[in-house]
Amino acid sequence: MKTWLKKQIQFFRGLFLLKQFKGQALKAINQSDIVFFFPFYHTGGAERVHLNIVQALINKKCAVIFTQGSATTNFLNDFKQVATVVELNPILNKRSKYINGKLKNLLANTINSSASITHVFGCNSVYFYKILPLFNSLKIKLDLIHALAENDERARVLAETAKYINTRVVINKKAKIGLKHIYLNHDIDEHYINNITIISNGVNISKNDDLKVVNKVYNPIKIGYIGRWSDEKRPNIFLEIAQLVKEKHPKVQFVMAGTGMKSNIESINTAGVSFLGELTTNEDLKNLYKSLNIIVICSEYEGFPMVLMEAMPFEVVPVCTNVGGISEHIINNQNGILIDNIDNKELAKEFTKVINVCIEQNTILKKMAKQASSYAFSHFDISKFNLAYKQLFNT
């Protein structure tokens, strides 16, 4: 009886929210030029890129539809400053097939009937791919793929939706090659490969006084992990590296900052690593980058981490697994160090070896730091990113 009553209450709450949604939200979406479907606005590299895309289109009227519940509100206000923000999760989480079906049709009909909407863009949103077939041929459909894992679980969806997408954006050559393989493995017509375009990410680093690094400290060396605690990023490997390095160099400092780490705080403390929290402000992040000498990326797969783009201008040397598009920018032993993506049991030992060399021969580290900064200023400025997305949405 209690379960039935709970379901009934959820259903009527969902109906009430749907009725509210029909009013102001749908009207705002209908009057937009571009509609985006993103899952989250919490802290993350992907979320930062999504915000950058919308900010690049300041001359367009944008609506951003968030399809899942976010862990924090870190980027919410930033999105609200440049777009109309609509959240679907309060309705979708009622888990009513009837209500969710109504919602999907309402959204599709609103977008299709709009005289102003020219483009619909999605990234990392399962909901976007579910609603995608409902958009008519007058709307230009685009999506963004940040990275592809080996045997990526999204392969079938990406193959099945290729025929609906006018332009599919990837951030590097490695992702484009991965998409080609997915298409060929699923017998997708090769002409859809021509719809894939590369737009590299960027960060705001041009002529910024805040990026000046004065008297970088190399004693003690400080090494950081910045990101979320998730399996593919292998933060446990970073903790193992910290323990191994400290056995030989106990004064070296290891720090972690990011989301999802509080539940692992005991493991972090045991490894002798300092947890700095989420660090949601640009000022806090800049101060951290200025204090770091090395940033570790030990991920199983990546696109190209935003954290590298942000850290390298501050003379922070990347030490990374050679995955995704990382080797397209990191030249081994010049502006960073690449580690083969070997078995987990040996990976920490390989990282430890090269980090110990950097500690013991910090003239080499200092040289790489200067080269990392120089490369970042030459390649990562956001102006190229902004221009590419403006051109994409003017097509």
Protein backbone atom coordinates (compact mmCIF):
# COMPACT_ATOMS: atom_id res chain seq x y z
CA MET A 1 0.00 0.00 0.00
CA LYS A 2 2.80 2.44 0.93
CA THR A 3 4.67 1.70 -2.32
CA TRP A 4 1.53 2.29 -4.40
CA LEU A 5 0.78 5.54 -2.57
CA LYS A 6 4.35 6.73 -3.03
CA LYS A 7 4.14 6.05 -6.77
CA GLN A 8 0.84 7.92 -7.01
CA ILE A 9 2.27 10.93 -5.20
CA GLN A 10 5.31 10.92 -7.48
CA PHE A 11 3.06 10.67 -10.54
CA PHE A 12 0.93 13.68 -9.59
CA ARG A 13 4.01 15.67 -8.62
CA GLY A 14 5.39 14.86 -12.06
CA LEU A 15 2.16 16.02 -13.72
CA PHE A 16 2.30 19.27 -11.76
CA LEU A 17 5.94 19.88 -12.77
CA LEU A 18 5.12 19.04 -16.39
CA LYS A 19 2.29 21.59 -16.35
CA GLN A 20 4.70 24.21 -15.01
CA PHE A 21 7.25 23.23 -17.63
CA LYS A 22 4.70 23.78 -20.41
CA GLY A 23 4.58 27.45 -19.57
CA GLN A 24 7.67 29.54 -19.12
CA ALA A 25 10.36 26.92 -19.93
CA LEU A 26 8.92 25.85 -23.27
CA LYS A 27 8.32 29.46 -24.29
CA ALA A 28 11.96 30.35 -23.52
CA ILE A 29 13.21 27.33 -25.47
CA ASN A 30 10.98 28.17 -28.43
CA GLN A 31 12.40 31.69 -28.68
CA SER A 32 16.04 30.54 -28.69
CA ASP A 33 18.46 30.32 -31.60
CA ILE A 34 20.37 27.29 -30.31
CA VAL A 35 19.33 24.55 -27.88
CA PHE A 36 21.97 22.59 -25.96
CA PHE A 37 21.48 19.28 -24.15
CA PHE A 38 24.07 18.72 -21.42
CA PRO A 39 23.86 16.38 -18.40
CA PHE A 40 25.45 18.48 -15.62
CA TYR A 41 26.62 21.89 -14.43
CA HIS A 42 28.83 20.63 -11.59
CA THR A 43 32.63 20.82 -11.49
CA GLY A 44 34.37 18.98 -14.30
CA GLY A 45 36.51 19.38 -17.39
CA ALA A 46 33.66 18.45 -19.73
CA GLU A 47 31.35 20.92 -17.99
CA ARG A 48 33.97 23.65 -18.37
CA VAL A 49 34.14 22.94 -22.12
CA HIS A 50 30.34 23.05 -22.41
CA LEU A 51 30.29 26.42 -20.68
CA ASN A 52 33.07 27.70 -22.96
CA ILE A 53 31.03 26.73 -26.03
CA VAL A 54 27.97 28.65 -24.87
CA GLN A 55 30.10 31.64 -23.84
CA ALA A 56 31.65 31.69 -27.33
CA LEU A 57 28.16 32.24 -28.78
CA ILE A 58 27.36 35.39 -26.84
CA ASN A 59 25.69 36.89 -29.93
CA LYS A 60 23.21 33.99 -30.07
CA LYS A 61 20.15 33.37 -27.93
CA CYS A 62 20.90 30.04 -26.25
CA ALA A 63 18.86 27.64 -24.14
CA VAL A 64 20.72 24.99 -22.15
CA ILE A 65 18.73 21.94 -21.08
CA PHE A 66 20.32 19.92 -18.26
CA THR A 67 19.13 16.34 -18.28
CA GLN A 68 20.53 14.92 -15.03
CA GLY A 69 20.94 15.97 -11.41
CA SER A 70 24.23 17.76 -10.69
CA ALA A 71 26.39 17.08 -7.63
CA THR A 72 27.16 20.78 -7.10
CA THR A 73 26.05 24.12 -8.55
CA ASN A 74 29.56 25.22 -9.48
CA PHE A 75 28.89 26.32 -13.08
CA LEU A 76 25.15 26.98 -12.78
CA ASN A 77 25.35 30.76 -12.38
CA ASP A 78 27.89 31.00 -15.21
CA PHE A 79 25.49 29.20 -17.53
CA LYS A 80 22.62 31.44 -16.41
CA GLN A 81 24.62 34.53 -17.36
CA VAL A 82 24.83 33.48 -21.02
CA ALA A 83 21.77 31.27 -21.59
CA THR A 84 18.30 30.30 -20.49
CA VAL A 85 18.74 27.31 -18.19
CA VAL A 86 16.16 24.51 -18.06
CA GLU A 87 16.41 21.46 -15.79
CA LEU A 88 14.65 18.20 -16.66
CA ASN A 89 15.77 16.07 -13.74
CA PRO A 90 12.93 17.09 -11.35
CA ILE A 91 10.49 15.61 -13.90
CA LEU A 92 12.58 12.71 -15.19
CA ASN A 93 13.42 11.42 -11.71
CA LYS A 94 9.73 10.70 -11.07
CA ARG A 95 10.29 7.71 -13.38
CA SER A 96 6.90 7.87 -15.06
CA LYS A 97 6.96 6.53 -18.63
CA TYR A 98 3.76 8.43 -19.39
CA ILE A 99 5.03 11.78 -18.11
CA ASN A 100 8.51 11.35 -19.58
CA GLY A 101 6.98 10.45 -22.94
CA LYS A 102 4.85 13.59 -22.82
CA LEU A 103 7.90 15.66 -21.88
CA LYS A 104 9.96 14.30 -24.77
CA ASN A 105 7.22 15.03 -27.30
CA LEU A 106 6.63 18.51 -25.90
CA LEU A 107 10.31 19.34 -26.21
CA ALA A 108 10.63 17.95 -29.71
CA ASN A 109 7.48 19.71 -30.94
CA THR A 110 8.57 23.01 -29.36
CA ILE A 111 11.98 22.86 -31.03
CA ASN A 112 10.58 21.72 -34.38
CA SER A 113 7.92 24.45 -34.46
CA SER A 114 10.31 27.25 -33.49
CA ALA A 115 11.01 29.78 -36.21
CA SER A 116 14.21 30.91 -34.53
CA ILE A 117 15.94 27.67 -33.53
CA THR A 118 18.54 26.70 -36.13
CA HIS A 119 20.79 24.26 -34.24
CA VAL A 120 20.41 21.55 -31.59
CA PHE A 121 23.60 20.43 -29.86
CA GLY A 122 24.21 17.60 -27.40
CA CYS A 123 27.12 16.19 -25.43
CA ASN A 124 27.41 13.39 -22.87
CA SER A 125 23.61 13.25 -22.60
CA VAL A 126 21.81 9.93 -23.07
CA TYR A 127 18.56 11.90 -23.20
CA PHE A 128 19.79 13.88 -26.21
CA TYR A 129 20.28 10.69 -28.23
CA LYS A 130 16.81 9.45 -27.25
CA ILE A 131 15.11 12.64 -28.44
CA LEU A 132 17.39 13.18 -31.45
CA PRO A 133 15.31 11.16 -33.96
CA LEU A 134 12.28 13.37 -33.24
CA PHE A 135 13.91 16.57 -34.54
CA ASN A 136 12.94 17.49 -38.08
CA SER A 137 15.32 17.92 -41.00
CA LEU A 138 15.13 21.74 -40.82
CA LYS A 139 17.15 21.76 -37.60
CA ILE A 140 20.91 21.28 -37.78
CA LYS A 141 21.90 18.57 -35.30
CA LEU A 142 25.37 18.50 -33.76
CA ASP A 143 27.12 16.68 -30.94
CA LEU A 144 30.49 16.60 -29.22
CA ILE A 145 32.53 13.54 -28.25
CA HIS A 146 35.20 14.34 -25.64
CA ALA A 147 36.88 10.94 -25.56
CA LEU A 148 36.38 7.31 -26.49
CA ALA A 149 37.41 4.35 -24.39
CA GLU A 150 38.58 1.07 -25.85
CA ASN A 151 35.40 -0.97 -26.44
CA ASP A 152 33.39 2.14 -25.55
CA GLU A 153 29.92 1.26 -24.24
CA ARG A 154 28.43 4.11 -26.30
CA ALA A 155 29.60 2.59 -29.60
CA ARG A 156 26.19 1.29 -30.70
CA VAL A 157 24.42 4.55 -29.83
CA LEU A 158 27.03 6.61 -31.67
CA ALA A 159 26.70 4.37 -34.72
CA GLU A 160 22.90 4.38 -34.69
CA THR A 161 22.69 8.17 -34.35
CA ALA A 162 25.26 8.97 -37.05
CA LYS A 163 22.51 9.34 -39.66
CA TYR A 164 20.80 12.08 -37.61
CA ILE A 165 23.91 14.18 -36.90
CA ASN A 166 24.91 16.90 -39.38
CA THR A 167 28.26 17.54 -37.70
CA ARG A 168 29.91 15.44 -35.02
CA VAL A 169 32.69 17.30 -33.18
CA VAL A 170 35.69 15.58 -31.59
CA ILE A 171 38.57 17.25 -29.75
CA ASN A 172 41.52 15.40 -31.33
CA LYS A 173 42.67 13.06 -34.08
CA LYS A 174 42.60 10.00 -31.81
CA ALA A 175 38.87 10.43 -31.17
CA LYS A 176 38.19 10.86 -34.90
CA ILE A 177 40.02 7.62 -35.66
CA GLY A 178 38.05 5.89 -32.89
CA LEU A 179 34.76 7.09 -34.36
CA LYS A 180 35.76 5.87 -37.81
CA HIS A 181 36.38 2.40 -36.38
CA ILE A 182 32.99 2.41 -34.65
CA TYR A 183 31.25 3.34 -37.91
CA LEU A 184 33.09 0.67 -39.89
CA ASN A 185 32.46 -1.99 -37.23
CA HIS A 186 28.72 -1.22 -37.34
CA ASP A 187 28.51 -1.05 -41.14
CA ILE A 188 27.69 2.65 -41.14
CA ASP A 189 28.04 4.24 -44.57
CA GLU A 190 31.47 5.80 -44.93
CA HIS A 191 30.10 9.15 -46.08
CA TYR A 192 29.08 9.86 -42.46
CA ILE A 193 32.80 10.01 -41.62
CA ASN A 194 32.87 13.29 -43.56
CA ASN A 195 30.53 14.74 -40.92
CA ILE A 196 33.23 14.43 -38.22
CA THR A 197 35.22 17.59 -37.50
CA ILE A 198 37.98 18.35 -34.97
CA ILE A 199 37.78 21.38 -32.67
CA SER A 200 40.47 21.40 -30.00
CA ASN A 201 39.64 22.73 -26.55
CA GLY A 202 41.14 25.95 -25.26
CA VAL A 203 41.60 28.02 -22.12
CA ASN A 204 41.75 31.75 -21.49
CA ILE A 205 45.49 32.34 -21.25
CA SER A 206 46.28 35.13 -23.69
CA LYS A 207 48.30 38.01 -22.17
CA ASN A 208 46.95 37.30 -18.70
CA ASP A 209 48.99 38.87 -15.87
CA ASP A 210 47.63 36.23 -13.48
CA LEU A 211 49.65 33.63 -15.37
CA LYS A 212 53.01 35.13 -14.52
CA VAL A 213 55.11 32.70 -12.51
CA VAL A 214 57.66 34.35 -10.24
CA ASN A 215 60.39 32.34 -8.47
CA LYS A 216 58.84 28.90 -8.88
CA VAL A 217 59.73 26.83 -5.80
CA TYR A 218 61.47 23.49 -6.41
CA ASN A 219 62.34 22.58 -2.85
CA PRO A 220 60.26 20.75 -1.87
CA ILE A 221 58.78 19.50 -5.14
CA LYS A 222 54.97 19.58 -5.12
CA ILE A 223 53.00 17.05 -7.20
CA GLY A 224 49.26 17.22 -7.81
CA TYR A 225 46.22 15.28 -9.00
CA ILE A 226 43.28 17.50 -9.98
CA GLY A 227 40.01 15.98 -11.14
CA ARG A 228 37.21 13.75 -10.03
CA TRP A 229 37.55 10.42 -8.25
CA SER A 230 36.41 7.96 -10.90
CA ASP A 231 37.59 4.54 -12.03
CA GLU A 232 38.91 5.55 -15.46
CA LYS A 233 41.11 8.27 -13.90
CA ARG A 234 42.65 5.74 -11.48
CA PRO A 235 43.23 8.04 -8.49
CA ASN A 236 44.27 4.98 -6.49
CA ILE A 237 47.35 4.79 -8.74
CA PHE A 238 48.21 8.36 -7.78
CA LEU A 239 48.04 7.38 -4.09
CA GLU A 240 50.33 4.43 -4.75
CA ILE A 241 52.78 6.71 -6.60
CA ALA A 242 52.79 9.09 -3.62
CA GLN A 243 53.64 6.31 -1.20
CA LEU A 244 56.43 4.93 -3.41
CA VAL A 245 58.01 8.34 -4.05
CA LYS A 246 57.87 9.30 -0.38
CA GLU A 247 59.81 6.16 0.55
CA LYS A 248 62.83 7.70 -1.18
CA HIS A 249 61.95 11.42 -0.98
CA PRO A 250 59.85 11.97 2.16
CA LYS A 251 59.83 15.78 1.83
CA VAL A 252 58.05 15.76 -1.54
CA GLN A 253 54.49 17.07 -1.22
CA PHE A 254 51.52 15.35 -2.85
CA VAL A 255 48.12 17.06 -3.10
CA MET A 256 44.70 16.16 -4.51
CA ALA A 257 41.82 18.46 -5.43
CA GLY A 258 38.49 17.63 -7.01
CA THR A 259 35.12 15.98 -6.59
CA GLY A 260 34.06 12.60 -5.25
CA MET A 261 37.05 12.32 -2.92
CA LYS A 262 35.53 12.79 0.51
CA SER A 263 34.44 9.16 0.72
CA ASN A 264 38.07 8.16 0.08
CA ILE A 265 39.66 10.56 2.54
CA GLU A 266 41.05 7.77 4.73
CA SER A 267 42.98 6.28 1.77
CA ILE A 268 44.20 9.77 0.80
CA ASN A 269 45.48 10.50 4.31
CA THR A 270 47.09 7.07 4.64
CA ALA A 271 49.07 7.70 1.44
CA GLY A 272 50.45 10.94 2.91
CA VAL A 273 48.53 13.08 0.40
CA SER A 274 46.89 16.38 1.34
CA PHE A 275 43.27 16.80 0.19
CA LEU A 276 42.59 20.42 -0.78
CA GLY A 277 38.86 20.16 -1.44
CA GLU A 278 36.98 20.87 -4.67
CA LEU A 279 38.56 24.29 -5.48
CA THR A 280 35.70 25.86 -7.42
CA THR A 281 37.09 29.36 -7.99
CA ASN A 282 39.55 30.35 -10.70
CA GLU A 283 41.66 32.15 -8.12
CA ASP A 284 42.08 29.01 -5.99
CA LEU A 285 42.99 26.95 -9.04
CA LYS A 286 45.54 29.52 -10.25
CA ASN A 287 47.19 29.61 -6.83
CA LEU A 288 47.41 25.82 -6.82
CA TYR A 289 48.93 25.70 -10.32
CA LYS A 290 51.50 28.33 -9.32
CA SER A 291 52.57 26.12 -6.41
CA LEU A 292 52.77 22.85 -8.38
CA ASN A 293 55.82 21.45 -10.17
CA ILE A 294 54.26 18.28 -11.60
CA ILE A 295 50.71 17.27 -12.45
CA VAL A 296 49.96 13.57 -12.75
CA ILE A 297 47.40 12.10 -15.16
CA CYS A 298 47.21 8.34 -14.68
CA SER A 299 43.93 7.80 -16.55
CA GLU A 300 42.99 4.65 -18.42
CA TYR A 301 41.55 6.82 -21.20
CA GLU A 302 41.22 10.56 -21.88
CA GLY A 303 40.45 13.03 -24.62
CA PHE A 304 42.88 15.78 -23.72
CA PRO A 305 42.44 16.82 -20.07
CA MET A 306 41.43 20.44 -19.52
CA VAL A 307 43.53 20.41 -16.36
CA LEU A 308 46.69 20.13 -18.50
CA MET A 309 45.68 23.17 -20.54
CA GLU A 310 45.06 25.09 -17.33
CA ALA A 311 48.22 23.96 -15.50
CA MET A 312 50.91 24.07 -18.20
CA PRO A 313 50.93 27.88 -18.60
CA PHE A 314 52.00 28.02 -14.93
CA GLU A 315 55.15 25.96 -15.67
CA VAL A 316 53.62 22.73 -14.37
CA VAL A 317 55.10 19.62 -16.01
CA PRO A 318 52.60 16.91 -17.06
CA VAL A 319 53.49 13.30 -16.29
CA CYS A 320 50.80 11.26 -18.03
CA THR A 321 49.73 7.90 -19.31
CA ASN A 322 50.01 7.94 -23.09
CA VAL A 323 46.28 7.67 -23.82
CA GLY A 324 43.72 9.51 -25.95
CA GLY A 325 44.96 12.71 -27.52
CA ILE A 326 47.60 13.45 -24.87
CA SER A 327 50.53 12.61 -27.16
CA GLU A 328 49.19 15.09 -29.74
CA HIS A 329 50.36 17.86 -27.39
CA ILE A 330 52.78 16.32 -24.87
CA ILE A 331 56.17 15.58 -26.43
CA ASN A 332 57.99 13.08 -24.27
CA ASN A 333 60.89 14.56 -22.25
CA GLN A 334 60.36 17.99 -23.82
CA ASN A 335 57.20 19.60 -22.44
CA GLY A 336 56.14 16.63 -20.31
CA ILE A 337 56.60 12.91 -19.80
CA LEU A 338 54.54 10.09 -21.29
CA ILE A 339 54.14 6.72 -19.58
CA ASP A 340 52.98 3.66 -21.53
CA ASN A 341 49.51 2.56 -20.42
CA ILE A 342 50.70 -0.75 -18.99
CA ASP A 343 49.20 -3.10 -16.41
CA ASN A 344 48.00 -1.38 -13.25
CA LYS A 345 50.42 -3.36 -11.08
CA GLU A 346 53.44 -1.92 -12.90
CA LEU A 347 52.05 1.52 -13.74
CA ALA A 348 52.74 3.14 -10.37
CA LYS A 349 56.32 1.87 -10.47
CA GLU A 350 56.90 3.45 -13.90
CA PHE A 351 55.49 6.78 -12.75
CA THR A 352 57.65 6.59 -9.62
CA LYS A 353 60.83 6.02 -11.65
CA VAL A 354 60.39 9.10 -13.84
CA ILE A 355 59.21 11.30 -10.97
CA ASN A 356 62.25 10.31 -8.90
CA VAL A 357 64.48 11.36 -11.82
CA CYS A 358 62.67 14.72 -12.00
CA ILE A 359 63.21 15.24 -8.26
CA GLU A 360 66.87 14.28 -8.35
CA GLN A 361 67.65 16.21 -11.54
CA ASN A 362 65.43 19.24 -11.19
CA THR A 363 67.36 21.19 -13.85
CA ILE A 364 65.68 18.83 -16.33
CA LEU A 365 62.34 19.47 -14.64
CA LYS A 366 62.85 23.24 -14.81
CA LYS A 367 63.64 23.04 -18.52
CA MET A 368 60.52 21.01 -19.23
CA ALA A 369 58.48 23.47 -17.14
CA LYS A 370 59.53 26.39 -19.35
CA GLN A 371 58.78 24.38 -22.49
CA ALA A 372 55.38 23.32 -21.13
CA SER A 373 54.45 26.96 -20.51
CA SER A 374 55.70 28.09 -23.91
CA TYR A 375 53.76 25.33 -25.68
CA ALA A 376 50.56 26.19 -23.80
CA PHE A 377 50.72 29.86 -24.77
CA SER A 378 51.27 28.90 -28.41
CA HIS A 379 48.57 26.21 -28.69
CA PHE A 380 45.89 26.43 -26.01
CA ASP A 381 44.54 29.97 -26.18
CA ILE A 382 40.75 29.92 -26.32
CA SER A 383 40.48 32.37 -29.22
CA LYS A 384 40.91 29.52 -31.75
CA PHE A 385 38.24 27.49 -29.95
CA ASN A 386 35.82 30.43 -29.91
CA LEU A 387 36.28 31.16 -33.60
CA ALA A 388 35.78 27.50 -34.55
CA TYR A 389 32.49 27.24 -32.65
CA LYS A 390 31.22 30.56 -34.01
CA GLN A 391 31.87 29.29 -37.52
CA LEU A 392 30.25 25.94 -36.73
CA PHE A 393 27.01 27.56 -35.57
CA ASN A 394 26.94 30.02 -38.45
CA THR A 395 26.83 27.15 -40.93
